[in-house]
C-alpha atoms as a PDB file:
ATOM      1  CA  MET A   1     -32.766  13.140   2.312  1.00  0.00           C
ATOM      2  CA  GLU A   2     -30.984   9.415   3.227  1.00  0.00           C
ATOM      3  CA  ARG A   3     -31.025   8.646  -0.764  1.00  0.00           C
ATOM      4  CA  LYS A   4     -29.802  12.039  -1.775  1.00  0.00           C
ATOM      5  CA  GLU A   5     -26.957  11.799   0.841  1.00  0.00           C
ATOM      6  CA  LYS A   6     -26.261   8.284  -0.479  1.00  0.00           C
ATOM      7  CA  ALA A   7     -26.272   9.612  -4.275  1.00  0.00           C
ATOM      8  CA  ALA A   8     -23.803  12.620  -3.041  1.00  0.00           C
ATOM      9  CA  VAL A   9     -21.160  10.386  -1.759  1.00  0.00           C
ATOM     10  CA  TRP A  10     -21.811   8.246  -4.824  1.00  0.00           C
ATOM     11  CA  SER A  11     -21.220  11.658  -7.010  1.00  0.00           C
ATOM     12  CA  THR A  12     -18.084  12.738  -4.987  1.00  0.00           C
ATOM     13  CA  LEU A  13     -16.663   8.888  -5.486  1.00  0.00           C
ATOM     14  CA  LEU A  14     -17.343   8.991  -9.190  1.00  0.00           C
ATOM     15  CA  ALA A  15     -15.887  12.506  -9.896  1.00  0.00           C
ATOM     16  CA  GLY A  16     -12.593  11.858  -7.941  1.00  0.00           C
ATOM     17  CA  SER A  17     -12.296   8.558  -9.880  1.00  0.00           C
ATOM     18  CA  ILE A  18     -12.830  10.491 -13.305  1.00  0.00           C
ATOM     19  CA  ALA A  19     -10.616  12.853 -12.806  1.00  0.00           C
ATOM     20  CA  GLY A  20      -7.788  10.439 -11.203  1.00  0.00           C
ATOM     21  CA  ALA A  21      -8.050   8.535 -14.468  1.00  0.00           C
ATOM     22  CA  SER A  22      -8.127  11.793 -16.714  1.00  0.00           C
ATOM     23  CA  GLU A  23      -5.442  13.836 -14.914  1.00  0.00           C
ATOM     24  CA  THR A  24      -3.111  10.174 -15.578  1.00  0.00           C
ATOM     25  CA  VAL A  25      -3.871   9.996 -19.268  1.00  0.00           C
ATOM     26  CA  ILE A  26      -3.018  13.371 -19.740  1.00  0.00           C
ATOM     27  CA  THR A  27       0.315  13.615 -17.893  1.00  0.00           C
ATOM     28  CA  PHE A  28       1.340  10.115 -18.650  1.00  0.00           C
ATOM     29  CA  PRO A  29       4.003  10.711 -21.008  1.00  0.00           C
ATOM     30  CA  ALA A  30       5.799  12.856 -18.711  1.00  0.00           C
ATOM     31  CA  GLU A  31       5.521   9.436 -15.646  1.00  0.00           C
ATOM     32  CA  TYR A  32       6.903   7.379 -18.487  1.00  0.00           C
ATOM     33  CA  VAL A  33       9.696   9.726 -19.286  1.00  0.00           C
ATOM     34  CA  LYS A  34      10.329  10.021 -15.755  1.00  0.00           C
ATOM     35  CA  THR A  35      10.516   6.540 -14.927  1.00  0.00           C
ATOM     36  CA  ARG A  36      12.659   6.129 -17.809  1.00  0.00           C
ATOM     37  CA  ARG A  37      15.281   8.837 -15.891  1.00  0.00           C
ATOM     38  CA  GLN A  38      15.615   6.681 -12.844  1.00  0.00           C
ATOM     39  CA  LEU A  39      16.469   3.540 -14.632  1.00  0.00           C
ATOM     40  CA  PRO A  40      20.198   4.224 -15.991  1.00  0.00           C
ATOM     41  CA  ARG A  41      22.070   3.032 -13.058  1.00  0.00           C
ATOM     42  CA  PHE A  42      20.451  -0.682 -13.843  1.00  0.00           C
ATOM     43  CA  ALA A  43      22.032  -0.362 -17.742  1.00  0.00           C
ATOM     44  CA  ASN A  44      24.419   1.253 -19.561  1.00  0.00           C
ATOM     45  CA  GLY A  45      25.029   4.881 -19.965  1.00  0.00           C
ATOM     46  CA  ASP A  46      22.790   7.499 -18.838  1.00  0.00           C
ATOM     47  CA  ALA A  47      20.237   9.164 -20.957  1.00  0.00           C
ATOM     48  CA  SER A  48      18.407  12.824 -21.073  1.00  0.00           C
ATOM     49  CA  SER A  49      15.193  13.295 -21.273  1.00  0.00           C
ATOM     50  CA  MET A  50      14.824  14.937 -25.419  1.00  0.00           C
ATOM     51  CA  SER A  51      17.146  11.099 -25.877  1.00  0.00           C
ATOM     52  CA  ILE A  52      14.283   9.139 -24.326  1.00  0.00           C
ATOM     53  CA  ILE A  53      11.470  10.777 -26.175  1.00  0.00           C
ATOM     54  CA  ARG A  54      13.144  10.567 -29.763  1.00  0.00           C
ATOM     55  CA  SER A  55      14.312   6.976 -29.326  1.00  0.00           C
ATOM     56  CA  THR A  56      10.756   6.376 -27.822  1.00  0.00           C
ATOM     57  CA  LEU A  57       8.587   8.344 -31.217  1.00  0.00           C
ATOM     58  CA  ARG A  58      11.709   6.389 -33.194  1.00  0.00           C
ATOM     59  CA  ASP A  59      11.088   3.091 -32.170  1.00  0.00           C
ATOM     60  CA  GLN A  60       7.348   2.807 -30.845  1.00  0.00           C
ATOM     61  CA  GLY A  61       5.568   6.234 -32.092  1.00  0.00           C
ATOM     62  CA  PHE A  62       3.686   8.077 -29.690  1.00  0.00           C
ATOM     63  CA  ARG A  63       1.539   5.109 -28.139  1.00  0.00           C
ATOM     64  CA  GLY A  64       4.931   4.097 -26.476  1.00  0.00           C
ATOM     65  CA  PHE A  65       4.637   6.778 -24.075  1.00  0.00           C
ATOM     66  CA  TYR A  66       1.440   5.048 -22.819  1.00  0.00           C
ATOM     67  CA  SER A  67       3.426   1.736 -22.200  1.00  0.00           C
ATOM     68  CA  GLY A  68       1.941   0.432 -19.060  1.00  0.00           C
ATOM     69  CA  CYS A  69      -0.719   3.273 -18.562  1.00  0.00           C
ATOM     70  CA  GLY A  70      -3.793   0.982 -18.252  1.00  0.00           C
ATOM     71  CA  ALA A  71      -2.438  -0.308 -14.091  1.00  0.00           C
ATOM     72  CA  LEU A  72      -1.523   3.181 -13.528  1.00  0.00           C
ATOM     73  CA  VAL A  73      -5.101   4.918 -14.361  1.00  0.00           C
ATOM     74  CA  VAL A  74      -6.861   2.286 -12.631  1.00  0.00           C
ATOM     75  CA  SER A  75      -4.717   2.760  -9.578  1.00  0.00           C
ATOM     76  CA  ASN A  76      -4.606   6.836  -9.731  1.00  0.00           C
ATOM     77  CA  ALA A  77      -9.035   6.422 -10.274  1.00  0.00           C
ATOM     78  CA  LEU A  78      -9.199   4.016  -7.286  1.00  0.00           C
ATOM     79  CA  LYS A  79      -6.762   6.749  -5.066  1.00  0.00           C
ATOM     80  CA  SER A  80      -8.664   9.617  -6.118  1.00  0.00           C
ATOM     81  CA  GLY A  81     -11.724   8.353  -5.812  1.00  0.00           C
ATOM     82  CA  ILE A  82     -10.917   7.417  -2.168  1.00  0.00           C
ATOM     83  CA  ARG A  83      -9.292  10.647  -1.891  1.00  0.00           C
ATOM     84  CA  PHE A  84     -11.863  12.818  -2.479  1.00  0.00           C
ATOM     85  CA  LEU A  85     -14.609  10.628  -0.530  1.00  0.00           C
ATOM     86  CA  ALA A  86     -12.741  10.143   2.286  1.00  0.00           C
ATOM     87  CA  TYR A  87     -11.800  13.879   2.553  1.00  0.00           C
ATOM     88  CA  GLY A  88     -15.221  15.014   2.200  1.00  0.00           C
ATOM     89  CA  THR A  89     -16.459  12.550   4.637  1.00  0.00           C
ATOM     90  CA  SER A  90     -13.647  13.405   7.532  1.00  0.00           C
ATOM     91  CA  ARG A  91     -14.484  17.456   6.772  1.00  0.00           C
ATOM     92  CA  GLU A  92     -18.026  16.810   7.396  1.00  0.00           C
ATOM     93  CA  TYR A  93     -17.485  14.727  10.598  1.00  0.00           C
ATOM     94  CA  LEU A  94     -14.877  17.135  12.018  1.00  0.00           C
ATOM     95  CA  GLN A  95     -17.141  19.970  11.272  1.00  0.00           C
ATOM     96  CA  LYS A  96     -19.997  18.184  13.798  1.00  0.00           C
ATOM     97  CA  THR A  97     -18.220  16.965  15.915  1.00  0.00           C
ATOM     98  CA  VAL A  98     -14.608  18.468  16.581  1.00  0.00           C
ATOM     99  CA  PHE A  99     -15.315  21.816  15.528  1.00  0.00           C
ATOM    100  CA  LYS A 100     -18.536  22.526  16.388  1.00  0.00           C
ATOM    101  CA  ASP A 101     -18.460  25.310  18.440  1.00  0.00           C
ATOM    102  CA  GLU A 102     -16.611  27.248  15.618  1.00  0.00           C
ATOM    103  CA  LYS A 103     -18.549  30.614  14.076  1.00  0.00           C
ATOM    104  CA  GLN A 104     -16.446  29.774  11.186  1.00  0.00           C
ATOM    105  CA  ALA A 105     -15.091  27.167   9.495  1.00  0.00           C
ATOM    106  CA  SER A 106     -11.677  26.517  10.838  1.00  0.00           C
ATOM    107  CA  PRO A 107      -8.420  25.914   8.686  1.00  0.00           C
ATOM    108  CA  TRP A 108      -7.746  23.163  10.674  1.00  0.00           C
ATOM    109  CA  VAL A 109     -10.828  21.226   9.626  1.00  0.00           C
ATOM    110  CA  SER A 110      -9.046  21.052   5.633  1.00  0.00           C
ATOM    111  CA  VAL A 111      -5.566  20.233   7.503  1.00  0.00           C
ATOM    112  CA  PHE A 112      -7.116  17.231   9.564  1.00  0.00           C
ATOM    113  CA  ALA A 113      -9.541  15.910   6.930  1.00  0.00           C
ATOM    114  CA  GLY A 114      -6.811  16.052   4.475  1.00  0.00           C
ATOM    115  CA  LEU A 115      -4.420  14.098   6.389  1.00  0.00           C
ATOM    116  CA  SER A 116      -7.342  11.291   7.233  1.00  0.00           C
ATOM    117  CA  ALA A 117      -7.623  11.218   3.415  1.00  0.00           C
ATOM    118  CA  GLY A 118      -3.680  10.422   2.782  1.00  0.00           C
ATOM    119  CA  ILE A 119      -3.787   7.819   5.428  1.00  0.00           C
ATOM    120  CA  ILE A 120      -6.669   5.900   4.191  1.00  0.00           C
ATOM    121  CA  GLU A 121      -5.599   5.956   0.868  1.00  0.00           C
ATOM    122  CA  SER A 122      -1.945   4.965   1.340  1.00  0.00           C
ATOM    123  CA  LEU A 123      -3.214   2.380   3.459  1.00  0.00           C
ATOM    124  CA  LEU A 124      -5.843   1.024   0.783  1.00  0.00           C
ATOM    125  CA  VAL A 125      -4.133   1.469  -2.210  1.00  0.00           C
ATOM    126  CA  VAL A 126      -0.746   3.726  -2.788  1.00  0.00           C
ATOM    127  CA  THR A 127       1.836   0.892  -0.408  1.00  0.00           C
ATOM    128  CA  PRO A 128       0.601  -1.918  -2.559  1.00  0.00           C
ATOM    129  CA  GLY A 129       0.597  -0.178  -5.690  1.00  0.00           C
ATOM    130  CA  GLU A 130       3.936   1.783  -4.903  1.00  0.00           C
ATOM    131  CA  ALA A 131       5.156  -1.822  -3.979  1.00  0.00           C
ATOM    132  CA  LEU A 132       3.884  -3.109  -7.441  1.00  0.00           C
ATOM    133  CA  LYS A 133       5.364  -0.328  -9.820  1.00  0.00           C
ATOM    134  CA  THR A 134       8.849  -0.581  -8.039  1.00  0.00           C
ATOM    135  CA  ARG A 135       9.438  -4.407  -8.733  1.00  0.00           C
ATOM    136  CA  MET A 136       8.295  -4.307 -12.463  1.00  0.00           C
ATOM    137  CA  VAL A 137      10.499  -1.217 -13.035  1.00  0.00           C
ATOM    138  CA  GLU A 138      13.587  -2.988 -11.282  1.00  0.00           C
ATOM    139  CA  ASP A 139      12.543  -6.401 -13.261  1.00  0.00           C
ATOM    140  CA  ALA A 140      12.226  -4.279 -16.365  1.00  0.00           C
ATOM    141  CA  ALA A 141      15.525  -2.491 -15.906  1.00  0.00           C
ATOM    142  CA  SER A 142      17.476  -5.558 -15.021  1.00  0.00           C
ATOM    143  CA  ILE A 143      20.074  -7.301 -17.085  1.00  0.00           C
ATOM    144  CA  GLY A 144      19.599 -10.711 -18.386  1.00  0.00           C
ATOM    145  CA  ARG A 145      16.434 -13.140 -17.421  1.00  0.00           C
ATOM    146  CA  ARG A 146      13.537 -10.869 -16.576  1.00  0.00           C
ATOM    147  CA  GLN A 147      11.109 -12.609 -14.009  1.00  0.00           C
ATOM    148  CA  TYR A 148       7.994 -10.304 -14.777  1.00  0.00           C
ATOM    149  CA  ALA A 149       8.442  -9.947 -18.368  1.00  0.00           C
ATOM    150  CA  ASP A 150       5.648  -9.700 -20.281  1.00  0.00           C
ATOM    151  CA  LYS A 151       3.464 -10.383 -17.214  1.00  0.00           C
ATOM    152  CA  GLY A 152       0.957  -8.420 -15.950  1.00  0.00           C
ATOM    153  CA  VAL A 153      -0.036  -6.415 -12.302  1.00  0.00           C
ATOM    154  CA  ALA A 154      -2.189  -9.574 -11.050  1.00  0.00           C
ATOM    155  CA  HIS A 155       0.920 -11.888 -12.346  1.00  0.00           C
ATOM    156  CA  VAL A 156       3.934  -9.762 -10.428  1.00  0.00           C
ATOM    157  CA  ALA A 157       1.054  -9.724  -7.123  1.00  0.00           C
ATOM    158  CA  LYS A 158       0.669 -13.440  -6.983  1.00  0.00           C
ATOM    159  CA  THR A 159       4.239 -14.005  -7.371  1.00  0.00           C
ATOM    160  CA  ILE A 160       5.241 -11.742  -4.314  1.00  0.00           C
ATOM    161  CA  ILE A 161       2.462 -13.066  -2.407  1.00  0.00           C
ATOM    162  CA  LYS A 162       3.402 -16.793  -2.666  1.00  0.00           C
ATOM    163  CA  GLU A 163       7.240 -15.953  -1.915  1.00  0.00           C
ATOM    164  CA  GLU A 164       7.329 -12.788   0.573  1.00  0.00           C
ATOM    165  CA  GLY A 165       3.794 -12.862   2.184  1.00  0.00           C
ATOM    166  CA  ILE A 166       1.363 -10.473   1.510  1.00  0.00           C
ATOM    167  CA  ARG A 167       2.923  -7.953   3.972  1.00  0.00           C
ATOM    168  CA  ALA A 168       5.804  -7.588   1.271  1.00  0.00           C
ATOM    169  CA  LEU A 169       2.965  -5.504  -0.516  1.00  0.00           C
ATOM    170  CA  TRP A 170       2.886  -2.853   2.691  1.00  0.00           C
ATOM    171  CA  ARG A 171       6.951  -2.696   3.089  1.00  0.00           C
ATOM    172  CA  GLY A 172       7.537   1.249   2.927  1.00  0.00           C
ATOM    173  CA  ALA A 173       4.176   1.693   4.375  1.00  0.00           C
ATOM    174  CA  VAL A 174       5.518   4.286   6.698  1.00  0.00           C
ATOM    175  CA  PRO A 175       7.380   6.944   4.181  1.00  0.00           C
ATOM    176  CA  ILE A 176       4.444   6.576   2.063  1.00  0.00           C
ATOM    177  CA  LEU A 177       2.361   7.485   4.754  1.00  0.00           C
ATOM    178  CA  SER A 178       4.009  10.446   5.760  1.00  0.00           C
ATOM    179  CA  LYS A 179       4.063  11.652   1.892  1.00  0.00           C
ATOM    180  CA  GLN A 180       0.888  10.973   0.994  1.00  0.00           C
ATOM    181  CA  ALA A 181      -0.843  12.682   4.487  1.00  0.00           C
ATOM    182  CA  THR A 182       1.208  15.345   3.651  1.00  0.00           C
ATOM    183  CA  ASN A 183      -0.196  15.643   0.012  1.00  0.00           C
ATOM    184  CA  SER A 184      -3.469  15.567   0.856  1.00  0.00           C
ATOM    185  CA  ALA A 185      -2.963  18.197   3.811  1.00  0.00           C
ATOM    186  CA  VAL A 186      -1.029  20.347   1.857  1.00  0.00           C
ATOM    187  CA  ARG A 187      -2.913  20.639  -1.483  1.00  0.00           C
ATOM    188  CA  PHE A 188      -6.555  20.776   0.096  1.00  0.00           C
ATOM    189  CA  THR A 189      -4.799  23.434   2.666  1.00  0.00           C
ATOM    190  CA  SER A 190      -3.801  25.196   0.045  1.00  0.00           C
ATOM    191  CA  TYR A 191      -6.033  24.971  -2.695  1.00  0.00           C
ATOM    192  CA  GLY A 192      -8.995  25.862  -0.243  1.00  0.00           C
ATOM    193  CA  VAL A 193      -7.190  29.192   1.014  1.00  0.00           C
ATOM    194  CA  MET A 194      -6.445  30.140  -2.234  1.00  0.00           C
ATOM    195  CA  GLN A 195      -9.631  29.629  -3.327  1.00  0.00           C
ATOM    196  CA  GLU A 196     -10.406  31.518  -0.752  1.00  0.00           C
ATOM    197  CA  GLN A 197      -8.800  34.424  -1.593  1.00  0.00           C
ATOM    198  CA  VAL A 198      -9.946  34.202  -5.538  1.00  0.00           C
ATOM    199  CA  ALA A 199     -13.538  34.427  -3.941  1.00  0.00           C
ATOM    200  CA  LYS A 200     -12.426  37.748  -2.192  1.00  0.00           C
ATOM    201  CA  ARG A 201     -10.302  39.221  -4.063  1.00  0.00           C
ATOM    202  CA  TRP A 202     -11.818  38.677  -7.884  1.00  0.00           C
ATOM    203  CA  PRO A 203     -15.494  37.131  -6.972  1.00  0.00           C
ATOM    204  CA  THR A 204     -15.795  37.217 -10.625  1.00  0.00           C
ATOM    205  CA  SER A 205     -13.329  34.273 -11.307  1.00  0.00           C
ATOM    206  CA  GLU A 206     -14.624  32.174  -8.865  1.00  0.00           C
ATOM    207  CA  GLY A 207     -15.531  28.907 -10.323  1.00  0.00           C
ATOM    208  CA  ARG A 208     -14.128  29.439 -13.948  1.00  0.00           C
ATOM    209  CA  VAL A 209     -12.329  26.487 -15.310  1.00  0.00           C
ATOM    210  CA  ALA A 210      -9.343  28.655 -15.765  1.00  0.00           C
ATOM    211  CA  THR A 211      -9.480  29.883 -12.353  1.00  0.00           C
ATOM    212  CA  THR A 212      -9.430  26.116 -10.645  1.00  0.00           C
ATOM    213  CA  LEU A 213      -6.524  24.724 -12.790  1.00  0.00           C
ATOM    214  CA  ALA A 214      -4.326  27.695 -12.021  1.00  0.00           C
ATOM    215  CA  ILE A 215      -5.565  27.470  -8.050  1.00  0.00           C
ATOM    216  CA  GLY A 216      -4.873  23.562  -8.734  1.00  0.00           C
ATOM    217  CA  ALA A 217      -1.678  23.959 -10.422  1.00  0.00           C
ATOM    218  CA  LEU A 218       0.131  26.055  -7.621  1.00  0.00           C
ATOM    219  CA  SER A 219      -1.529  23.635  -5.366  1.00  0.00           C
ATOM    220  CA  GLY A 220       0.489  21.861  -6.457  1.00  0.00           C
ATOM    221  CA  VAL A 221       3.926  23.358  -6.585  1.00  0.00           C
ATOM    222  CA  VAL A 222       3.723  23.786  -2.546  1.00  0.00           C
ATOM    223  CA  THR A 223       2.653  20.121  -2.313  1.00  0.00           C
ATOM    224  CA  VAL A 224       5.688  19.026  -4.338  1.00  0.00           C
ATOM    225  CA  TYR A 225       7.924  20.902  -2.160  1.00  0.00           C
ATOM    226  CA  ALA A 226       5.991  19.715   0.502  1.00  0.00           C
ATOM    227  CA  SER A 227       6.296  15.993   0.378  1.00  0.00           C
ATOM    228  CA  MET A 228       9.379  15.774  -1.525  1.00  0.00           C
ATOM    229  CA  PRO A 229      11.814  14.427   1.119  1.00  0.00           C
ATOM    230  CA  PHE A 230       9.024  11.526   2.212  1.00  0.00           C
ATOM    231  CA  ASP A 231       9.255  10.840  -1.602  1.00  0.00           C
ATOM    232  CA  THR A 232      13.059  10.623  -1.911  1.00  0.00           C
ATOM    233  CA  VAL A 233      12.765   7.685   1.667  1.00  0.00           C
ATOM    234  CA  LYS A 234      10.091   6.400   0.080  1.00  0.00           C
ATOM    235  CA  THR A 235      12.191   5.574  -3.333  1.00  0.00           C
ATOM    236  CA  ARG A 236      15.642   4.615  -1.218  1.00  0.00           C
ATOM    237  CA  MET A 237      14.008   2.207   0.711  1.00  0.00           C
ATOM    238  CA  GLN A 238      12.176   0.510  -2.217  1.00  0.00           C
ATOM    239  CA  MET A 239      15.233   0.116  -4.090  1.00  0.00           C
ATOM    240  CA  ALA A 240      16.665  -3.649  -4.777  1.00  0.00           C
ATOM    241  CA  GLY A 241      19.271  -4.562  -1.796  1.00  0.00           C
ATOM    242  CA  GLY A 242      18.664  -1.692   0.191  1.00  0.00           C
ATOM    243  CA  SER A 243      19.999  -1.902   3.896  1.00  0.00           C
ATOM    244  CA  HIS A 244      17.850   0.872   5.771  1.00  0.00           C
ATOM    245  CA  HIS A 245      16.267  -0.050   8.738  1.00  0.00           C
ATOM    246  CA  GLY A 246      13.327   2.168   8.952  1.00  0.00           C
ATOM    247  CA  MET A 247      12.654   5.650   7.843  1.00  0.00           C
ATOM    248  CA  LEU A 248      14.521   7.408  10.330  1.00  0.00           C
ATOM    249  CA  ASN A 249      17.869   5.454   9.035  1.00  0.00           C
ATOM    250  CA  CYS A 250      17.423   6.081   5.595  1.00  0.00           C
ATOM    251  CA  ALA A 251      16.652   9.618   6.594  1.00  0.00           C
ATOM    252  CA  ALA A 252      20.174  10.005   8.367  1.00  0.00           C
ATOM    253  CA  LYS A 253      21.916   8.187   5.616  1.00  0.00           C
ATOM    254  CA  ILE A 254      20.708  10.478   2.882  1.00  0.00           C
ATOM    255  CA  LEU A 255      21.533  13.493   5.119  1.00  0.00           C
ATOM    256  CA  GLN A 256      25.106  12.061   6.041  1.00  0.00           C
ATOM    257  CA  THR A 257      25.799  11.516   2.160  1.00  0.00           C
ATOM    258  CA  ASP A 258      23.879  13.888   0.318  1.00  0.00           C
ATOM    259  CA  GLY A 259      23.374  16.779   2.631  1.00  0.00           C
ATOM    260  CA  ILE A 260      20.192  18.462   3.085  1.00  0.00           C
ATOM    261  CA  ARG A 261      19.637  19.381  -0.391  1.00  0.00           C
ATOM    262  CA  GLY A 262      19.275  15.418  -0.732  1.00  0.00           C
ATOM    263  CA  PHE A 263      15.920  14.991   0.213  1.00  0.00           C
ATOM    264  CA  TRP A 264      15.162  17.587  -2.763  1.00  0.00           C
ATOM    265  CA  LYS A 265      16.626  15.315  -5.646  1.00  0.00           C
ATOM    266  CA  GLY A 266      14.434  14.322  -8.188  1.00  0.00           C
ATOM    267  CA  THR A 267      12.290  17.234  -7.955  1.00  0.00           C
ATOM    268  CA  SER A 268      12.039  18.985 -10.914  1.00  0.00           C
ATOM    269  CA  PRO A 269       9.688  16.203 -13.248  1.00  0.00           C
ATOM    270  CA  ARG A 270       8.168  15.258 -10.075  1.00  0.00           C
ATOM    271  CA  LEU A 271       7.428  18.921 -10.001  1.00  0.00           C
ATOM    272  CA  VAL A 272       5.968  18.930 -13.650  1.00  0.00           C
ATOM    273  CA  ARG A 273       3.287  16.282 -13.343  1.00  0.00           C
ATOM    274  CA  LEU A 274       2.236  17.094 -10.032  1.00  0.00           C
ATOM    275  CA  THR A 275       1.594  20.430 -10.899  1.00  0.00           C
ATOM    276  CA  LEU A 276      -0.280  19.415 -14.282  1.00  0.00           C
ATOM    277  CA  SER A 277      -2.033  16.492 -12.392  1.00  0.00           C
ATOM    278  CA  SER A 278      -2.934  19.094  -9.508  1.00  0.00           C
ATOM    279  CA  GLY A 279      -4.591  21.265 -11.744  1.00  0.00           C
ATOM    280  CA  ILE A 280      -6.485  18.733 -13.797  1.00  0.00           C
ATOM    281  CA  THR A 281      -7.586  16.831 -10.917  1.00  0.00           C
ATOM    282  CA  PHE A 282      -9.486  19.542  -9.332  1.00  0.00           C
ATOM    283  CA  MET A 283     -11.034  21.037 -12.635  1.00  0.00           C
ATOM    284  CA  VAL A 284     -12.409  17.648 -13.334  1.00  0.00           C
ATOM    285  CA  TYR A 285     -13.559  16.826 -10.189  1.00  0.00           C
ATOM    286  CA  ASP A 286     -15.597  20.074 -10.672  1.00  0.00           C
ATOM    287  CA  GLN A 287     -16.921  19.676 -14.059  1.00  0.00           C
ATOM    288  CA  VAL A 288     -18.192  16.091 -13.281  1.00  0.00           C
ATOM    289  CA  VAL A 289     -19.374  17.181  -9.913  1.00  0.00           C
ATOM    290  CA  GLN A 290     -21.843  19.576 -11.174  1.00  0.00           C
ATOM    291  CA  ALA A 291     -22.593  17.632 -14.262  1.00  0.00           C
ATOM    292  CA  LEU A 292     -23.745  15.424 -11.826  1.00  0.00           C
ATOM    293  CA  ARG A 293     -25.401  17.209  -9.815  1.00  0.00           C
ATOM    294  CA  ILE A 294     -27.358  18.811 -12.827  1.00  0.00           C
ATOM    295  CA  LEU A 295     -28.339  14.833 -13.505  1.00  0.00           C
ATOM    296  CA  GLN A 296     -29.614  13.999 -10.431  1.00  0.00           C
ATOM    297  CA  LYS A 297     -31.018  17.333  -9.199  1.00  0.00           C
ATOM    298  CA  ILE A 298     -29.218  16.891  -5.689  1.00  0.00           C
ATOM    299  CA  PRO A 299     -27.694  19.509  -3.790  1.00  0.00           C
ATOM    300  CA  GLN A 300     -23.466  19.770  -4.802  1.00  0.00           C
ATOM    301  CA  PRO A 301     -21.611  17.279  -2.472  1.00  0.00           C
ATOM    302  CA  GLN A 302     -19.643  19.028   0.597  1.00  0.00           C
ATOM    303  CA  HIS A 303     -16.165  18.946  -1.259  1.00  0.00           C
ATOM    304  CA  GLN A 304     -16.035  22.690  -1.106  1.00  0.00           C
ATOM    305  CA  LEU A 305     -11.790  23.650   0.347  1.00  0.00           C
ATOM    306  CA  SER A 306     -13.360  27.040   1.579  1.00  0.00           C
END
């Protein structure tokens, strides 16, 4: 029995990692264009998405859209694996302890398990990953001598730690924690609610690839709008030369200068990528888990969100 439980844990971790890597490869061109759109303030003029697409195809070909993809694949694979493993473990623990007297599965189980997963992935992977990504993007967009030109992620991390200490990799952790916890809680909860409604209303469609993809995509839309304010605050705090003293101070300045709508700036490109990534992640995850279940002939891991 213990052997089967260990196999189930590794199945969950492997399926989550494969799902994260897959969605990154598929959606990375959108991430590439979005990142380029965020750089004009460091360079000259402004560039639309279409002009970036045309110039990239002209100068580098289609492979140009995958510049830097490898680092993000590794980061998202680790993040997704940790997310699904932490969510499943937290959900099982909560059901056996806090909510053990509930006759039916409480929706709060999904909420708290999702929050736990978001916090864990933020501390272990997302925060240092975002710190490195921000530094490298800023350096690539800078005019003149580039400190990290043609340097890998390991070199950048080593340089930052040497010059600023290891704590520099965890700057902006509070808004990232808030964003990732919201991402996981809202995504898993909305996915679970919609999955349950599909099972009740259209039982013949339950478990189909198209259904999983559609539900995952819709959960991504909800997630983007719920977590966008934290993402905006995180970006402002990580900008070079920022003078913000904490998350609340940064949020107050955004509200003062841009109004309430300022917290949802840049929603459209993020919405496109996360809508696709959410659907792809859940679809690939479910298919990999089913395949591993057949290969290993063990009970399916308790990752269901209903």
